[in-house]
């Protein structure tokens, strides 16, 4: 998935499987979350020791299309890229692919909203976020 500038490797654990021996569908959401956090760190927007309350984003929407089952022991990586940034929200595309062949297992789109946890309201996306995403993605 060459259009992704960021990938995060994730180990598929035995406990991640459903009774059919495939990665449980709910685990994709967890994998997406893990990769998004690493993406935010990669952008320099979440630093060691910083409170997650200070990051200022909340998940608003998730859509996943499952393409092929992942089996235990399959090396996977999750791609993350920002597709667009609005006033208060950003749309992020994510993929789960084979870490070596880049065979697509799932593709998803999530919407993150800039959020002030202290007052419990959405806020405009900061210029710091816009600049960091633009440097990596050109968006």
Protein backbone atom coordinates (compact mmCIF):
# COMPACT_ATOMS: atom_id res chain seq x y z
CA UNK A 1 0.00 0.00 0.00
CA UNK A 2 2.45 2.55 -1.27
CA UNK A 3 0.12 5.53 -0.75
CA UNK A 4 0.54 5.12 3.01
CA UNK A 5 3.46 6.99 4.58
CA UNK A 6 2.95 5.27 7.93
CA UNK A 7 2.54 1.61 8.90
CA UNK A 8 2.52 0.02 12.34
CA UNK A 9 3.31 -3.71 12.73
CA UNK A 10 0.99 -5.67 15.01
CA UNK A 11 1.35 -9.23 16.26
CA UNK A 12 -1.76 -11.39 15.89
CA UNK A 13 -2.05 -13.22 19.21
CA UNK A 14 -3.84 -16.51 19.81
CA UNK A 15 -6.35 -14.69 22.03
CA UNK A 16 -7.25 -12.37 19.11
CA UNK A 17 -8.85 -15.27 17.22
CA UNK A 18 -12.50 -16.28 16.98
CA UNK A 19 -13.64 -19.93 17.25
CA UNK A 20 -13.11 -20.31 13.49
CA UNK A 21 -9.41 -19.54 13.88
CA UNK A 22 -9.60 -16.11 12.22
CA UNK A 23 -8.79 -12.71 13.65
CA UNK A 24 -11.98 -11.67 15.46
CA UNK A 25 -13.78 -8.84 13.69
CA UNK A 26 -13.71 -6.64 16.82
CA UNK A 27 -9.90 -6.87 16.95
CA UNK A 28 -9.61 -4.88 13.73
CA UNK A 29 -11.00 -1.87 15.59
CA UNK A 30 -8.39 -2.41 18.31
CA UNK A 31 -5.62 -2.76 15.70
CA UNK A 32 -6.81 0.46 14.03
CA UNK A 33 -6.74 2.22 17.41
CA UNK A 34 -3.22 1.00 18.22
CA UNK A 35 -1.95 2.18 14.85
CA UNK A 36 -3.69 5.57 15.11
CA UNK A 37 -1.99 6.22 18.46
CA UNK A 38 1.39 5.36 16.92
CA UNK A 39 0.56 7.60 13.94
CA UNK A 40 -0.20 10.50 16.29
CA UNK A 41 3.11 9.85 18.09
CA UNK A 42 4.90 9.69 14.73
CA UNK A 43 3.42 13.10 13.87
CA UNK A 44 4.93 14.45 17.11
CA UNK A 45 1.51 15.24 18.57
CA UNK A 46 1.65 12.83 21.51
CA UNK A 47 4.80 12.88 23.56
CA UNK A 48 6.08 10.53 26.24
CA UNK A 49 4.52 11.35 29.61
CA UNK A 50 1.78 13.48 28.08
CA UNK A 51 -1.79 12.87 29.23
CA UNK A 52 -4.11 11.47 26.58
CA UNK A 53 -6.56 14.16 27.73
CA UNK A 54 -4.20 16.70 26.15
CA UNK A 55 -4.25 15.12 22.68
CA UNK A 56 -7.73 16.44 22.09
CA UNK A 57 -9.31 13.95 19.67
CA UNK A 58 -12.22 11.56 20.01
CA UNK A 59 -13.44 8.88 17.64
CA UNK A 60 -16.77 9.72 15.98
CA UNK A 61 -17.24 7.06 13.30
CA UNK A 62 -15.72 3.77 12.11
CA UNK A 63 -16.38 1.77 8.94
CA UNK A 64 -14.52 -1.44 8.07
CA UNK A 65 -14.71 -3.62 4.97
CA UNK A 66 -13.32 -7.09 5.64
CA UNK A 67 -11.63 -8.50 2.52
CA UNK A 68 -9.94 -11.71 3.66
CA UNK A 69 -9.53 -13.49 7.02
CA UNK A 70 -6.30 -13.14 8.98
CA UNK A 71 -5.05 -16.34 10.57
CA UNK A 72 -2.86 -16.79 13.63
CA UNK A 73 0.81 -16.26 12.90
CA UNK A 74 0.20 -14.03 9.88
CA UNK A 75 2.49 -10.99 10.05
CA UNK A 76 0.34 -7.87 9.65
CA UNK A 77 0.82 -4.14 9.61
CA UNK A 78 -1.74 -1.37 9.79
CA UNK A 79 -1.50 1.56 7.41
CA UNK A 80 -2.75 4.96 8.52
CA UNK A 81 -3.21 8.08 6.43
CA UNK A 82 -5.24 11.24 6.73
CA UNK A 83 -7.54 11.77 3.75
CA UNK A 84 -8.96 15.15 4.68
CA UNK A 85 -9.09 17.70 7.46
CA UNK A 86 -12.19 19.76 8.08
CA UNK A 87 -12.86 22.47 10.64
CA UNK A 88 -13.41 20.13 13.59
CA UNK A 89 -12.89 16.65 12.16
CA UNK A 90 -10.46 14.61 10.12
CA UNK A 91 -11.08 11.52 8.02
CA UNK A 92 -8.46 8.79 8.31
CA UNK A 93 -8.11 5.72 6.11
CA UNK A 94 -6.65 2.56 7.62
CA UNK A 95 -5.72 -0.83 6.22
CA UNK A 96 -4.69 -4.18 7.63
CA UNK A 97 -2.27 -5.83 5.22
CA UNK A 98 0.17 -8.73 5.19
CA UNK A 99 3.44 -7.26 6.49
CA UNK A 100 5.52 -8.80 3.70
CA UNK A 101 3.25 -9.13 0.64
CA UNK A 102 0.90 -6.21 1.44
CA UNK A 103 -2.09 -8.42 0.62
CA UNK A 104 -5.18 -6.52 1.81
CA UNK A 105 -7.18 -8.06 4.67
CA UNK A 106 -9.33 -5.07 5.64
CA UNK A 107 -9.78 -1.42 4.81
CA UNK A 108 -11.52 1.15 6.95
CA UNK A 109 -12.30 4.78 7.36
CA UNK A 110 -12.55 6.57 10.68
CA UNK A 111 -13.57 10.09 11.60
CA UNK A 112 -11.78 11.73 14.50
CA UNK A 113 -13.11 14.93 16.02
CA UNK A 114 -11.02 17.55 17.81
CA UNK A 115 -12.35 17.50 21.35
CA UNK A 116 -11.78 19.33 24.61
CA UNK A 117 -12.29 16.70 27.29
CA UNK A 118 -12.33 19.27 30.07
CA UNK A 119 -15.43 21.05 28.75
CA UNK A 120 -16.88 18.07 26.89
CA UNK A 121 -17.21 19.76 23.49
CA UNK A 122 -15.78 19.56 19.99
CA UNK A 123 -13.31 22.28 19.06
CA UNK A 124 -11.56 23.40 15.85
CA UNK A 125 -8.55 21.32 14.82
CA UNK A 126 -5.41 23.15 15.92
CA UNK A 127 -2.88 24.58 13.51
CA UNK A 128 -0.26 22.32 15.12
CA UNK A 129 -2.25 19.25 14.01
CA UNK A 130 -2.84 20.68 10.53
CA UNK A 131 0.86 21.43 10.07
CA UNK A 132 1.98 18.01 11.32
CA UNK A 133 -0.42 16.15 9.02
CA UNK A 134 0.50 18.37 6.09
CA UNK A 135 4.22 17.68 6.55
CA UNK A 136 3.64 13.92 6.34
CA UNK A 137 0.63 13.61 4.05
CA UNK A 138 0.46 16.84 2.07
CA UNK A 139 -3.19 17.21 3.13
